[in-house]
Amino acid sequence: MKSESNRSTLLLLVYFGVTRLLTLGYIIIQGINGYSMEHEWTLYVFDTVPMFVVAVVFWIWFPGQIRPAVDEYESVELGENGIPKRP
């Protein structure tokens, strides 16, 4: 389950990066008055939807569950000035 969330979010982020590059390419080719700049649905679909899916995946599989739990913590004794004492 953990690897599926990592893999799916990685693929969605790669998709997001590729669509950003394609959008930039279309803007350079078409100019500022091109189709993708005059019609906002392309920005909503290619930018918002993948990030929403990533947010839903992280909501289902929280990244804190992926990291192993720490059972013991190392304690450090501090001196009067807040500097750790040497052993």
Protein backbone atom coordinates (compact mmCIF):
# COMPACT_ATOMS: atom_id res chain seq x y z
CA MET A 1 0.00 0.00 0.00
CA LYS A 2 2.86 2.36 0.78
CA SER A 3 4.63 1.79 -2.50
CA GLU A 4 1.40 2.32 -4.44
CA SER A 5 0.94 5.77 -2.95
CA ASN A 6 4.55 6.68 -3.66
CA ARG A 7 4.36 5.37 -7.21
CA SER A 8 1.02 6.99 -7.99
CA THR A 9 1.98 10.40 -6.62
CA LEU A 10 5.33 10.24 -8.42
CA LEU A 11 3.60 9.45 -11.70
CA LEU A 12 1.10 12.25 -11.18
CA LEU A 13 3.86 14.73 -10.39
CA VAL A 14 5.76 13.66 -13.50
CA TYR A 15 2.53 14.12 -15.46
CA PHE A 16 2.17 17.57 -13.93
CA GLY A 17 5.72 18.51 -14.95
CA VAL A 18 5.22 17.25 -18.50
CA THR A 19 1.97 19.17 -18.89
CA ARG A 20 3.71 22.30 -17.59
CA LEU A 21 6.41 21.89 -20.23
CA LEU A 22 3.81 21.33 -22.94
CA THR A 23 1.82 24.36 -21.81
CA LEU A 24 4.97 26.46 -21.88
CA GLY A 25 5.76 25.13 -25.34
CA TYR A 26 2.28 25.99 -26.60
CA ILE A 27 2.58 29.48 -25.17
CA ILE A 28 5.94 29.98 -26.91
CA ILE A 29 4.62 28.60 -30.22
CA GLN A 30 1.16 30.22 -30.16
CA GLY A 31 2.11 33.41 -28.41
CA ILE A 32 0.30 35.16 -25.60
CA ASN A 33 -2.94 35.25 -27.62
CA GLY A 34 -2.97 31.52 -28.34
CA TYR A 35 -5.75 29.09 -27.58
CA SER A 36 -4.38 27.86 -24.27
CA MET A 37 -4.02 31.39 -22.91
CA GLU A 38 -7.44 32.58 -24.09
CA HIS A 39 -9.32 29.54 -22.78
CA GLU A 40 -8.83 28.93 -19.07
CA TRP A 41 -10.17 25.38 -19.05
CA THR A 42 -6.79 24.09 -20.23
CA LEU A 43 -5.08 25.58 -17.19
CA TYR A 44 -7.72 24.17 -14.84
CA VAL A 45 -7.64 20.69 -16.31
CA PHE A 46 -3.89 20.29 -16.72
CA ASP A 47 -2.81 22.09 -13.54
CA THR A 48 -5.54 21.68 -10.95
CA VAL A 49 -6.82 18.16 -11.54
CA PRO A 50 -3.45 16.34 -11.13
CA MET A 51 -2.62 18.28 -7.97
CA PHE A 52 -6.09 17.53 -6.59
CA VAL A 53 -5.55 13.83 -7.25
CA VAL A 54 -2.18 14.00 -5.46
CA ALA A 55 -3.87 15.67 -2.49
CA VAL A 56 -6.52 12.92 -2.38
CA VAL A 57 -3.84 10.20 -2.55
CA PHE A 58 -1.96 11.84 0.33
CA TRP A 59 -5.22 12.14 2.24
CA ILE A 60 -5.79 8.39 1.90
CA TRP A 61 -2.17 7.33 2.43
CA PHE A 62 -0.61 9.86 4.78
CA PRO A 63 3.18 10.17 4.26
CA GLY A 64 3.77 9.81 7.99
CA GLN A 65 2.62 6.22 7.72
CA ILE A 66 5.38 5.51 5.22
CA ARG A 67 8.22 6.51 7.53
CA PRO A 68 9.08 3.91 10.19
CA ALA A 69 8.19 4.84 13.75
CA VAL A 70 10.94 5.72 16.19
CA ASP A 71 10.71 3.75 19.41
CA GLU A 72 13.42 5.42 21.43
CA TYR A 73 14.67 8.97 21.55
CA GLU A 74 18.13 9.98 22.66
CA SER A 75 18.00 12.33 25.60
CA VAL A 76 20.54 15.11 25.98
CA GLU A 77 21.11 16.84 29.28
CA LEU A 78 21.40 20.62 28.93
CA GLY A 79 23.49 22.94 31.06
CA GLU A 80 22.35 26.23 32.58
CA ASN A 81 23.02 28.17 29.40
CA GLY A 82 21.14 25.69 27.19
CA ILE A 83 24.27 24.11 25.72
CA PRO A 84 24.37 20.28 25.89
CA LYS A 85 26.68 18.89 28.58
CA ARG A 86 29.58 16.78 27.44
CA PRO A 87 29.57 13.14 28.58
